[in-house]
Amino acid sequence: MEKEEKKIVLILGAGLMQKPSIEAAKELGFETVVLDANQNAPCVDCADRFVQIDLKDKEKIAQFAASLGPALKGIFTAGTDFSASVSYAAEKCGLPCHKYESALNASNKVRMRECFKKAGVPSPEFTQLLRNQITSYVMTSGREEINYPKVVKPVDNMGARGCRMIRNFGEMVSSIEAAVHSSRSGTVILEDYLDGAEYSIDALIYKGTMTITGFADRHIYFPPYFIETGHTMSSTVSSKKRNELILCFARACKALGLTNGAAKADIKYTEKGPVIGEVAARLSGGYMSGWTYPYASGLNLTKEALLIALGKKPVDLFEKRVELNIKDAPYKLYEVKTSKSSAERAWISIPGKVKTIYGLDKGENTEFIKNVLPRVHEGDEVDFPRNNVEKCGNVISLSTDYDLAFAAAEKAVSKIVLRLETKNKATREFLEGKEHRSEKGFPFSAYQADEKLKDELAAFCKKVPYVKAGKSLFSQQPSFFREKYSEMKDFNHRTISETIKLFDDIADIKNDIDSTIFYKALLRGGIQGILYVCDSNNGSGKRK
């Protein structure tokens, strides 16, 4: 009996975003060899073989890939910023890929912006800064020569690490230094901030064609940082604007030299039209390429992208795609459209240390919810996010209706509660409203109370100085919460009344609590704030 040929796919990354890649390779009948610097990464055990290699070390990756010999049929990643490492190793091994120089163009924001400028692709004007140039730049630029706001970004990182808005001269030095700290090369770009709705677009490029494989609305909040609290697909943008955005994306990919594999864009529609934020030579992370798009379209996007990396025809892609009538595109444009809507939403936390997590099961049982994906666990330190890695977990919904998918994801998030340990300096300082001088207005309060609400609450607390022990909070709450502020929601999509009901489900008030302290914590920290005050005042509360 003839021995079956060994077939290997080398996958860079063992995080959750790479799980669909490992599964797709196995479905296609390949042995999976997975590389990651972290031997405790979530998907290490999913691999047929795991090897600990730093994904930044392209030479070591290429040497290891070569050692696998003719059994190695493809090299792949999704949701990481190491597409250049993939192309470098694949070129050395003679395997299909975007050219290494093109992958570098899509990995380094300076190279990227220069490619866009040369090709006339709209992107923000920028200045490149090295670590040793910060002081001289700030001193020579002067307060009057810079039009604010600006945005600073590391040239070589993802997940919005080190990325923030600079709103005035006083925020400049600390913001640039933080970005430099997040840059592997110690290089950042300072660029104009452009206002406009944001979108994520995925595509597969293959033999002169470009097929759109996901178009989503991005939901970005919490300036001066850019925190994506989720995305929803397919986008509600008009057809005219949609075609303009796709054309801009296609031109950007051409400018970078992308020819064979995946591409992903973060793009805005501004008052001047589409403007590219960045393009990556890989499938998107953020649960889009591996979760929401396959749910909404019925296409296993990761599998089709992997087929291209194996030098094979992406058959399902070809069968399901339709041609787009967009003029002057540098590729022949197609799209695999979505027939359903899928939404991803993150839940976030105020600073502290997680004691107990409630509501994961309730989130999972919410109508239209497909996944609840925690990122933190009991005992973990948490913070109000300054980048997209610091979110606490994600939910994913699926419906035939955009609004239902949108609402379901937010409803599921609202059911999940992280109860924090007491005697924690970070939590206490957050509830006291302390902020760094370069982060005015940040971190955000759970409820964005105006002066009218604050005045009404102060008057109420004067009349009712204590939240009484042994009684439900719902029966003691100010009536104006329900009468005037029923639509106000916190950053985890809970109304004040919903927060109060959750509190009654989770905690017992054992001793009277100062009303001013309690309700100030409610506005500042939501359910986490009042649980912290209650637990600090009474010892640990108990679940009913």
Protein backbone atom coordinates (compact mmCIF):
# COMPACT_ATOMS: atom_id res chain seq x y z
CA MET A 1 0.00 0.00 0.00
CA GLU A 2 1.41 3.36 -1.05
CA LYS A 3 2.20 5.67 1.84
CA GLU A 4 0.08 8.82 1.90
CA GLU A 5 2.02 12.02 1.27
CA LYS A 6 2.49 14.18 4.34
CA LYS A 7 0.99 17.66 3.90
CA ILE A 8 1.70 20.52 6.31
CA VAL A 9 0.34 24.04 6.71
CA LEU A 10 2.48 26.38 8.81
CA ILE A 11 0.34 28.86 10.73
CA LEU A 12 1.73 31.95 12.44
CA GLY A 13 -0.05 32.65 15.71
CA ALA A 14 -1.78 30.47 18.30
CA GLY A 15 -4.26 33.07 19.53
CA LEU A 16 -8.03 32.85 19.30
CA MET A 17 -7.99 34.81 16.02
CA GLN A 18 -5.98 31.96 14.48
CA LYS A 19 -8.37 29.19 15.56
CA PRO A 20 -10.40 29.35 12.29
CA SER A 21 -7.11 28.97 10.36
CA ILE A 22 -6.14 25.83 12.26
CA GLU A 23 -9.64 24.39 11.83
CA ALA A 24 -9.71 25.20 8.11
CA ALA A 25 -6.32 23.56 7.51
CA LYS A 26 -7.44 20.40 9.29
CA GLU A 27 -10.70 20.37 7.33
CA LEU A 28 -8.66 20.46 4.12
CA GLY A 29 -6.68 17.44 5.31
CA PHE A 30 -3.44 19.16 6.36
CA GLU A 31 -1.27 18.69 9.42
CA THR A 32 -1.08 21.99 11.30
CA VAL A 33 2.22 23.27 12.62
CA VAL A 34 1.66 26.45 14.64
CA LEU A 35 4.23 29.03 15.74
CA ASP A 36 3.92 31.56 18.54
CA ALA A 37 6.22 33.20 21.07
CA ASN A 38 3.68 32.43 23.81
CA GLN A 39 3.63 28.75 24.73
CA ASN A 40 0.46 29.39 26.73
CA ALA A 41 -1.47 30.98 23.86
CA PRO A 42 -5.16 29.92 23.71
CA CYS A 43 -4.89 27.65 20.65
CA VAL A 44 -1.60 25.88 21.33
CA ASP A 45 -3.46 22.64 22.04
CA CYS A 46 -5.47 22.94 18.81
CA ALA A 47 -2.33 22.45 16.72
CA ASP A 48 -1.03 19.08 15.61
CA ARG A 49 2.39 20.44 16.46
CA PHE A 50 3.36 23.64 18.29
CA VAL A 51 6.77 25.30 18.07
CA GLN A 52 7.73 28.31 20.17
CA ILE A 53 9.17 30.95 17.82
CA ASP A 54 8.84 34.73 18.05
CA LEU A 55 6.74 35.82 15.07
CA LYS A 56 8.95 38.89 14.63
CA ASP A 57 11.93 36.64 13.86
CA LYS A 58 11.43 36.18 10.12
CA GLU A 59 14.81 34.52 9.62
CA LYS A 60 14.14 31.85 12.22
CA ILE A 61 10.64 31.30 10.80
CA ALA A 62 12.05 30.91 7.28
CA GLN A 63 14.71 28.47 8.50
CA PHE A 64 12.12 26.41 10.34
CA ALA A 65 9.78 26.43 7.33
CA ALA A 66 12.61 25.21 5.10
CA SER A 67 13.33 22.39 7.56
CA LEU A 68 9.85 20.98 6.94
CA GLY A 69 10.88 20.16 3.39
CA PRO A 70 8.48 19.31 0.55
CA ALA A 71 5.73 18.38 3.02
CA LEU A 72 5.18 22.10 3.64
CA LYS A 73 2.46 23.27 1.25
CA GLY A 74 1.57 26.71 2.59
CA ILE A 75 2.27 29.41 5.20
CA PHE A 76 -0.59 31.44 6.62
CA THR A 77 -1.78 33.90 9.25
CA ALA A 78 -4.95 35.82 10.07
CA GLY A 79 -5.57 38.53 12.64
CA THR A 80 -1.88 39.15 13.40
CA ASP A 81 0.47 41.89 12.23
CA PHE A 82 3.03 39.37 10.91
CA SER A 83 1.98 39.05 7.29
CA ALA A 84 5.50 40.20 6.30
CA SER A 85 6.96 37.23 8.19
CA VAL A 86 4.59 34.96 6.26
CA SER A 87 5.65 36.39 2.89
CA TYR A 88 9.34 36.33 3.77
CA ALA A 89 9.27 32.65 4.69
CA ALA A 90 6.93 31.71 1.83
CA GLU A 91 9.18 33.39 -0.75
CA LYS A 92 12.21 31.55 0.64
CA CYS A 93 10.31 28.26 0.30
CA GLY A 94 8.83 29.03 -3.12
CA LEU A 95 5.25 29.02 -1.83
CA PRO A 96 2.34 31.26 -2.93
CA CYS A 97 2.05 34.61 -1.15
CA HIS A 98 1.98 38.36 -1.52
CA LYS A 99 5.47 39.52 -2.43
CA TYR A 100 7.60 40.23 0.64
CA GLU A 101 8.17 43.87 -0.36
CA SER A 102 4.41 44.32 -0.78
CA ALA A 103 3.74 42.74 2.62
CA LEU A 104 6.27 45.16 4.13
CA ASN A 105 4.40 48.02 2.47
CA ALA A 106 1.25 46.80 4.21
CA SER A 107 2.99 46.36 7.59
CA ASN A 108 4.95 49.59 8.02
CA LYS A 109 2.76 52.69 8.10
CA VAL A 110 5.50 54.97 6.74
CA ARG A 111 6.05 52.78 3.69
CA MET A 112 2.29 52.44 3.36
CA ARG A 113 1.65 56.19 3.38
CA GLU A 114 4.47 56.76 0.88
CA CYS A 115 2.97 54.17 -1.48
CA PHE A 116 -0.44 55.82 -1.18
CA LYS A 117 0.98 59.28 -1.81
CA LYS A 118 2.86 58.14 -4.89
CA ALA A 119 -0.27 56.49 -6.33
CA GLY A 120 -2.61 59.36 -5.40
CA VAL A 121 -4.62 57.25 -2.94
CA PRO A 122 -6.24 59.51 -0.31
CA SER A 123 -4.70 59.04 3.12
CA PRO A 124 -3.80 61.46 5.95
CA GLU A 125 -0.75 63.71 5.68
CA PHE A 126 1.91 62.52 8.14
CA THR A 127 5.27 63.19 9.76
CA GLN A 128 7.64 60.37 10.69
CA LEU A 129 9.35 60.59 14.09
CA LEU A 130 12.07 58.45 15.64
CA ARG A 131 12.56 58.10 19.39
CA ASN A 132 15.43 60.60 19.45
CA GLN A 133 13.52 63.22 17.42
CA ILE A 134 10.59 63.83 19.79
CA THR A 135 12.10 66.69 21.83
CA SER A 136 13.49 68.58 18.84
CA TYR A 137 10.24 68.17 16.90
CA VAL A 138 8.11 69.51 19.74
CA MET A 139 10.48 72.43 20.35
CA THR A 140 10.85 73.43 16.71
CA SER A 141 7.26 72.89 15.60
CA GLY A 142 5.97 75.49 18.04
CA ARG A 143 2.51 75.74 19.50
CA GLU A 144 1.07 77.67 16.55
CA GLU A 145 2.39 75.61 13.65
CA ILE A 146 0.35 72.46 14.37
CA ASN A 147 -3.33 72.22 13.61
CA TYR A 148 -5.03 70.04 16.21
CA PRO A 149 -6.26 67.41 16.61
CA LYS A 150 -3.51 65.10 15.40
CA VAL A 151 -3.21 61.32 15.63
CA VAL A 152 -0.04 59.48 16.66
CA LYS A 153 0.50 55.82 15.74
CA PRO A 154 3.34 53.30 16.02
CA VAL A 155 4.43 52.40 12.50
CA ASP A 156 4.48 48.66 13.24
CA ASN A 157 1.77 47.59 15.68
CA MET A 158 -1.91 46.67 15.59
CA GLY A 159 -4.97 46.65 17.87
CA ALA A 160 -4.71 50.44 18.31
CA ARG A 161 -1.79 49.94 20.72
CA GLY A 162 -0.10 53.30 21.29
CA CYS A 163 -2.57 55.03 18.99
CA ARG A 164 -4.36 58.15 20.25
CA MET A 165 -5.61 61.59 19.39
CA ILE A 166 -3.52 64.61 20.40
CA ARG A 167 -5.97 67.40 21.14
CA ASN A 168 -3.57 70.16 22.18
CA PHE A 169 0.10 71.00 22.67
CA GLY A 170 0.06 69.82 26.29
CA GLU A 171 -0.77 66.25 25.24
CA MET A 172 1.90 65.98 22.57
CA VAL A 173 5.05 64.75 24.34
CA SER A 174 3.40 62.10 26.53
CA SER A 175 1.28 60.84 23.62
CA ILE A 176 4.24 60.48 21.25
CA GLU A 177 6.35 58.82 23.95
CA ALA A 178 3.58 56.28 24.61
CA ALA A 179 3.34 55.51 20.88
CA VAL A 180 7.12 55.09 20.62
CA HIS A 181 6.97 52.67 23.56
CA SER A 182 4.44 50.57 21.60
CA SER A 183 6.57 50.55 18.43
CA ARG A 184 8.98 47.67 17.88
CA SER A 185 11.23 49.94 15.81
CA GLY A 186 10.83 53.03 18.00
CA THR A 187 9.22 54.89 15.09
CA VAL A 188 5.84 56.62 14.95
CA ILE A 189 3.83 58.72 12.56
CA LEU A 190 2.02 61.91 13.44
CA GLU A 191 -0.87 62.53 11.07
CA ASP A 192 -3.93 64.70 10.57
CA TYR A 193 -7.14 63.57 12.25
CA LEU A 194 -9.96 63.19 9.76
CA ASP A 195 -13.54 62.96 10.99
CA GLY A 196 -15.98 60.55 9.38
CA ALA A 197 -17.80 57.23 9.63
CA GLU A 198 -15.46 54.22 9.79
CA TYR A 199 -15.64 50.88 8.02
CA SER A 200 -13.77 47.57 7.86
CA ILE A 201 -13.47 45.78 4.53
CA ASP A 202 -11.96 42.35 3.84
CA ALA A 203 -10.98 41.04 0.41
CA LEU A 204 -9.22 38.17 -1.35
CA ILE A 205 -6.92 39.01 -4.28
CA TYR A 206 -6.32 36.23 -6.77
CA LYS A 207 -5.13 36.19 -10.40
CA GLY A 208 -5.98 39.83 -11.14
CA THR A 209 -9.32 39.76 -9.33
CA MET A 210 -10.32 41.27 -6.00
CA THR A 211 -13.34 39.85 -4.19
CA ILE A 212 -14.89 41.79 -1.32
CA THR A 213 -15.48 39.38 1.56
CA GLY A 214 -16.92 41.51 4.32
CA PHE A 215 -17.99 45.14 4.69
CA ALA A 216 -18.84 46.31 8.21
CA ASP A 217 -19.68 49.44 10.15
CA ARG A 218 -17.06 50.07 12.87
CA HIS A 219 -18.15 51.51 16.21
CA ILE A 220 -15.31 53.65 17.63
CA TYR A 221 -15.53 55.46 21.00
CA PHE A 222 -13.65 56.95 23.97
CA PRO A 223 -11.37 59.75 22.75
CA PRO A 224 -8.52 60.50 22.92
CA TYR A 225 -8.21 56.77 22.20
CA PHE A 226 -9.81 54.82 19.37
CA ILE A 227 -11.57 51.87 20.96
CA GLU A 228 -13.59 49.69 18.61
CA THR A 229 -16.47 48.52 20.80
CA GLY A 230 -17.64 46.36 17.93
CA HIS A 231 -18.71 46.11 14.31
CA THR A 232 -21.92 45.27 12.46
CA MET A 233 -22.30 43.84 8.98
CA SER A 234 -23.33 44.37 6.38
CA SER A 235 -22.91 48.11 6.55
CA THR A 236 -25.83 50.51 6.27
CA VAL A 237 -23.78 52.93 4.13
CA SER A 238 -25.41 54.03 0.87
CA SER A 239 -24.59 52.15 -2.36
CA LYS A 240 -22.87 55.20 -3.83
CA LYS A 241 -20.55 55.68 -0.88
CA ARG A 242 -20.00 51.95 -0.61
CA ASN A 243 -18.72 51.75 -4.18
CA GLU A 244 -16.46 54.75 -3.59
CA LEU A 245 -15.00 53.08 -0.50
CA ILE A 246 -14.42 49.79 -2.32
CA LEU A 247 -12.71 51.58 -5.22
CA CYS A 248 -10.45 53.45 -2.80
CA PHE A 249 -9.57 50.17 -1.06
CA ALA A 250 -8.78 48.50 -4.39
CA ARG A 251 -6.53 51.37 -5.43
CA ALA A 252 -4.76 51.19 -2.07
CA CYS A 253 -4.09 47.45 -2.48
CA LYS A 254 -2.71 48.06 -5.96
CA ALA A 255 -0.47 50.84 -4.66
CA LEU A 256 0.98 48.45 -2.07
CA GLY A 257 1.55 45.77 -4.70
CA LEU A 258 -0.78 43.12 -3.25
CA THR A 259 -1.38 40.32 -5.75
CA ASN A 260 -2.00 36.96 -4.10
CA GLY A 261 -3.84 36.61 -0.80
CA ALA A 262 -5.94 38.50 1.72
CA ALA A 263 -6.25 42.23 2.30
CA LYS A 264 -8.02 44.21 4.99
CA ALA A 265 -8.82 47.93 5.15
CA ASP A 266 -9.71 50.36 7.89
CA ILE A 267 -11.26 53.25 5.97
CA LYS A 268 -13.28 56.41 6.63
CA TYR A 269 -15.79 58.33 4.60
CA THR A 270 -15.01 62.00 5.28
CA GLU A 271 -16.46 65.24 3.95
CA LYS A 272 -13.89 64.92 1.14
CA GLY A 273 -14.83 61.30 0.39
CA PRO A 274 -13.04 58.02 1.22
CA VAL A 275 -9.72 58.16 3.07
CA ILE A 276 -7.66 55.04 3.81
CA GLY A 277 -6.54 54.60 7.40
CA GLU A 278 -4.49 51.49 6.73
CA VAL A 279 -4.42 48.27 4.73
CA ALA A 280 -3.09 44.95 6.03
CA ALA A 281 -1.98 42.01 3.86
CA ARG A 282 -4.02 39.49 5.82
CA LEU A 283 -7.53 38.67 6.95
CA SER A 284 -8.98 40.91 9.64
CA GLY A 285 -8.99 40.15 13.34
CA GLY A 286 -11.67 41.44 15.67
CA TYR A 287 -13.86 38.36 15.00
CA MET A 288 -14.78 39.63 11.52
CA SER A 289 -13.12 37.26 9.05
CA GLY A 290 -13.48 34.17 11.25
CA TRP A 291 -16.90 34.76 12.79
CA THR A 292 -19.27 37.54 11.74
CA TYR A 293 -18.65 37.36 7.98
CA PRO A 294 -18.92 33.57 7.70
CA TYR A 295 -22.13 33.73 9.76
CA ALA A 296 -23.62 36.48 7.59
CA SER A 297 -22.50 35.13 4.21
CA GLY A 298 -22.29 31.36 4.56
CA LEU A 299 -18.74 31.46 3.13
CA ASN A 300 -15.82 30.00 5.10
CA LEU A 301 -13.55 32.92 4.31
CA THR A 302 -10.52 31.54 6.14
CA LYS A 303 -10.72 28.31 4.15
CA GLU A 304 -10.85 30.20 0.84
CA ALA A 305 -7.90 32.42 1.83
CA LEU A 306 -5.95 29.34 2.89
CA LEU A 307 -6.60 27.70 -0.48
CA ILE A 308 -4.98 30.69 -2.19
CA ALA A 309 -1.98 30.33 0.13
CA LEU A 310 -1.79 26.68 -0.95
CA GLY A 311 -1.79 27.61 -4.63
CA LYS A 312 -5.24 26.16 -5.12
CA LYS A 313 -8.39 27.67 -6.65
CA PRO A 314 -10.84 29.07 -4.04
CA VAL A 315 -13.81 27.18 -5.49
CA ASP A 316 -16.57 28.32 -3.11
CA LEU A 317 -15.45 31.92 -3.54
CA PHE A 318 -15.76 31.65 -7.30
CA GLU A 319 -19.16 29.98 -7.12
CA LYS A 320 -20.70 32.53 -4.75
CA ARG A 321 -19.21 35.80 -5.92
CA VAL A 322 -20.92 38.33 -8.19
CA GLU A 323 -19.23 40.98 -10.32
CA LEU A 324 -19.31 44.59 -9.15
CA ASN A 325 -19.88 47.34 -11.65
CA ILE A 326 -17.31 49.85 -10.39
CA LYS A 327 -15.40 51.76 -13.03
CA ASP A 328 -11.65 52.44 -13.14
CA ALA A 329 -10.77 49.70 -10.64
CA PRO A 330 -7.23 48.27 -10.82
CA TYR A 331 -8.55 44.73 -10.37
CA LYS A 332 -11.64 43.02 -11.71
CA LEU A 333 -13.97 43.48 -8.75
CA TYR A 334 -16.35 40.91 -7.26
CA GLU A 335 -18.18 40.40 -3.98
CA VAL A 336 -19.60 37.51 -1.99
CA LYS A 337 -22.59 39.25 -0.48
CA THR A 338 -24.12 38.68 2.92
CA SER A 339 -27.72 37.50 3.27
CA LYS A 340 -27.85 37.97 7.05
CA SER A 341 -26.59 40.47 9.62
CA SER A 342 -24.03 39.77 12.31
CA ALA A 343 -22.80 42.07 15.08
CA GLU A 344 -19.83 41.85 17.41
CA ARG A 345 -19.70 43.84 20.65
CA ALA A 346 -17.13 44.05 23.43
CA TRP A 347 -17.73 44.48 27.12
CA ILE A 348 -15.33 46.65 29.07
CA SER A 349 -14.47 47.32 32.70
CA ILE A 350 -13.43 50.09 35.00
CA PRO A 351 -9.94 49.59 36.53
CA GLY A 352 -9.42 46.93 39.17
CA LYS A 353 -9.07 43.20 39.78
CA VAL A 354 -11.84 40.76 38.87
CA LYS A 355 -13.38 38.95 41.84
CA THR A 356 -16.44 37.34 40.25
CA ILE A 357 -17.99 37.22 36.78
CA TYR A 358 -21.76 37.03 36.43
CA GLY A 359 -24.06 36.63 33.46
CA LEU A 360 -22.01 34.75 30.86
CA ASP A 361 -24.74 32.09 30.71
CA LYS A 362 -27.43 34.74 30.39
CA GLY A 363 -25.50 36.37 27.57
CA GLU A 364 -25.25 33.03 25.77
CA ASN A 365 -28.99 32.45 26.15
CA THR A 366 -29.93 35.82 24.65
CA GLU A 367 -31.93 35.47 21.44
CA PHE A 368 -29.82 35.68 18.25
CA ILE A 369 -26.51 35.23 20.12
CA LYS A 370 -24.02 32.83 18.55
CA ASN A 371 -20.95 33.28 20.78
CA VAL A 372 -19.89 34.70 24.12
CA LEU A 373 -16.09 34.93 24.21
CA PRO A 374 -14.51 36.04 27.52
CA ARG A 375 -11.01 37.47 27.41
CA VAL A 376 -10.50 37.96 31.16
CA HIS A 377 -11.17 35.67 34.10
CA GLU A 378 -11.50 35.83 37.87
CA GLY A 379 -8.27 37.13 39.40
CA ASP A 380 -7.23 39.12 36.31
CA GLU A 381 -6.29 42.79 36.42
CA VAL A 382 -8.50 44.96 34.21
CA ASP A 383 -8.44 48.56 33.08
CA PHE A 384 -10.56 50.97 31.09
CA PRO A 385 -9.27 50.23 27.57
CA ARG A 386 -6.73 52.43 25.87
CA ASN A 387 -6.39 49.95 23.00
CA ASN A 388 -8.39 47.09 21.53
CA VAL A 389 -6.44 44.40 23.40
CA GLU A 390 -7.68 45.61 26.80
CA LYS A 391 -11.35 44.80 26.24
CA CYS A 392 -12.76 42.10 28.53
CA GLY A 393 -14.68 39.93 26.11
CA ASN A 394 -16.91 39.84 23.05
CA VAL A 395 -20.33 38.62 21.99
CA ILE A 396 -21.44 37.82 18.45
CA SER A 397 -25.01 37.83 17.17
CA LEU A 398 -26.70 36.67 13.98
CA SER A 399 -30.09 37.61 12.56
CA THR A 400 -31.82 38.18 9.26
CA ASP A 401 -32.25 41.82 10.32
CA TYR A 402 -29.52 44.42 10.95
CA ASP A 403 -31.35 46.11 13.82
CA LEU A 404 -32.10 42.81 15.56
CA ALA A 405 -28.47 41.68 15.32
CA PHE A 406 -27.32 45.09 16.57
CA ALA A 407 -29.72 45.10 19.55
CA ALA A 408 -29.10 41.46 20.47
CA ALA A 409 -25.34 41.93 20.78
CA GLU A 410 -25.76 44.95 23.04
CA LYS A 411 -28.42 43.17 25.13
CA ALA A 412 -26.09 40.21 25.71
CA VAL A 413 -23.25 42.50 26.78
CA SER A 414 -25.57 44.26 29.24
CA LYS A 415 -26.12 40.98 31.12
CA ILE A 416 -22.43 40.40 31.89
CA VAL A 417 -20.99 41.87 35.10
CA LEU A 418 -17.41 41.89 36.39
CA ARG A 419 -17.47 42.33 40.17
CA LEU A 420 -14.19 43.82 41.38
CA GLU A 421 -12.19 43.21 44.52
CA THR A 422 -12.25 45.88 47.24
CA LYS A 423 -9.26 47.76 48.63
CA ASN A 424 -7.97 48.42 45.15
CA LYS A 425 -6.19 51.71 44.49
CA ALA A 426 -6.96 51.77 40.76
CA THR A 427 -10.69 51.27 41.32
CA ARG A 428 -10.80 53.82 44.12
CA GLU A 429 -8.99 56.47 42.07
CA PHE A 430 -11.27 55.87 39.09
CA LEU A 431 -14.38 56.32 41.23
CA GLU A 432 -12.85 59.50 42.66
CA GLY A 433 -12.58 60.83 39.09
CA LYS A 434 -8.80 61.06 38.97
CA GLU A 435 -7.30 61.48 35.52
CA HIS A 436 -3.87 62.11 34.01
CA ARG A 437 -3.30 65.67 32.87
CA SER A 438 -2.73 64.45 29.29
CA GLU A 439 -6.01 62.48 29.35
CA LYS A 440 -8.58 65.13 30.19
CA GLY A 441 -12.04 63.55 30.26
CA PHE A 442 -10.65 60.01 30.25
CA PRO A 443 -11.44 57.36 31.45
CA PHE A 444 -15.10 57.92 30.69
CA SER A 445 -17.83 57.77 33.30
CA ALA A 446 -20.39 55.00 32.89
CA TYR A 447 -23.21 57.53 32.62
CA GLN A 448 -22.57 60.86 30.94
CA ALA A 449 -24.56 62.91 33.44
CA ASP A 450 -25.27 66.57 32.68
CA GLU A 451 -25.42 69.29 35.32
CA LYS A 452 -29.21 68.98 35.61
CA LEU A 453 -28.99 65.32 36.62
CA LYS A 454 -26.14 66.04 39.04
CA ASP A 455 -28.16 68.82 40.67
CA GLU A 456 -31.27 66.63 40.95
CA LEU A 457 -29.23 63.85 42.47
CA ALA A 458 -27.53 66.18 44.96
CA ALA A 459 -30.94 67.44 46.10
CA PHE A 460 -32.22 63.88 46.45
CA CYS A 461 -29.19 62.82 48.53
CA LYS A 462 -29.72 65.79 50.82
CA LYS A 463 -33.29 64.60 51.49
CA VAL A 464 -32.39 60.90 51.60
CA PRO A 465 -28.88 60.75 53.06
CA TYR A 466 -28.58 56.95 53.20
CA VAL A 467 -29.25 53.94 51.03
CA LYS A 468 -30.91 51.73 53.62
CA ALA A 469 -29.82 48.24 54.55
CA GLY A 470 -32.22 45.35 54.18
CA LYS A 471 -34.24 46.96 51.39
CA SER A 472 -34.01 46.60 47.63
CA LEU A 473 -32.21 49.39 45.82
CA PHE A 474 -35.01 49.44 43.23
CA SER A 475 -37.51 50.53 45.90
CA GLN A 476 -35.20 53.32 47.11
CA GLN A 477 -33.94 54.78 43.85
CA PRO A 478 -34.80 58.37 42.86
CA SER A 479 -37.99 58.41 40.78
CA PHE A 480 -36.41 60.71 38.20
CA PHE A 481 -34.11 57.88 37.08
CA ARG A 482 -37.14 56.17 35.59
CA GLU A 483 -39.11 59.29 34.66
CA LYS A 484 -36.44 61.41 32.97
CA TYR A 485 -33.37 59.29 32.27
CA SER A 486 -34.80 55.96 31.14
CA GLU A 487 -32.91 56.08 27.81
CA MET A 488 -29.46 56.86 29.25
CA LYS A 489 -27.09 53.89 28.91
CA ASP A 490 -23.61 53.12 30.21
CA PHE A 491 -20.67 51.85 28.18
CA ASN A 492 -21.99 48.27 28.51
CA HIS A 493 -25.45 49.25 27.19
CA ARG A 494 -27.33 49.22 30.52
CA THR A 495 -29.91 51.81 31.52
CA ILE A 496 -29.79 53.09 35.10
CA SER A 497 -32.89 51.05 35.98
CA GLU A 498 -31.33 47.90 34.51
CA THR A 499 -28.20 48.54 36.55
CA ILE A 500 -30.24 48.90 39.73
CA LYS A 501 -32.13 45.66 39.03
CA LEU A 502 -28.82 43.88 38.43
CA PHE A 503 -27.50 45.21 41.71
CA ASP A 504 -30.51 43.79 43.57
CA ASP A 505 -29.95 40.41 41.90
CA ILE A 506 -26.29 40.31 42.89
CA ALA A 507 -25.84 42.15 46.21
CA ASP A 508 -27.37 42.58 49.66
CA ILE A 509 -27.04 45.94 51.43
CA LYS A 510 -25.97 44.91 54.94
CA ASN A 511 -25.26 48.37 56.33
CA ASP A 512 -26.59 51.80 55.44
CA ILE A 513 -24.52 53.52 52.75
CA ASP A 514 -23.99 57.25 52.28
CA SER A 515 -26.28 58.22 49.37
CA THR A 516 -23.90 60.80 47.93
CA ILE A 517 -21.02 58.31 47.78
CA PHE A 518 -23.26 55.55 46.44
CA TYR A 519 -24.93 57.49 43.62
CA LYS A 520 -21.70 59.21 42.64
CA ALA A 521 -20.24 55.70 42.19
CA LEU A 522 -23.29 54.74 40.13
CA LEU A 523 -22.80 57.56 37.64
CA ARG A 524 -19.04 57.08 37.51
CA GLY A 525 -18.71 53.31 37.49
CA GLY A 526 -22.16 51.85 36.82
CA ILE A 527 -22.88 48.43 38.33
CA GLN A 528 -19.19 47.92 39.11
CA GLY A 529 -19.04 51.21 40.98
CA ILE A 530 -21.96 50.54 43.31
CA LEU A 531 -20.94 46.92 43.91
CA TYR A 532 -17.49 48.19 44.92
CA VAL A 533 -18.96 50.76 47.32
CA CYS A 534 -21.41 48.22 48.76
CA ASP A 535 -18.71 45.56 49.25
CA SER A 536 -16.30 48.09 50.75
CA ASN A 537 -18.98 49.31 53.16
CA ASN A 538 -20.46 45.95 54.13
CA GLY A 539 -17.84 43.32 53.49
CA SER A 540 -18.42 41.08 50.49
CA GLY A 541 -22.00 41.11 49.33
CA LYS A 542 -23.66 37.81 48.50
CA ARG A 543 -25.66 36.71 45.56
CA LYS A 544 -29.32 36.07 46.24
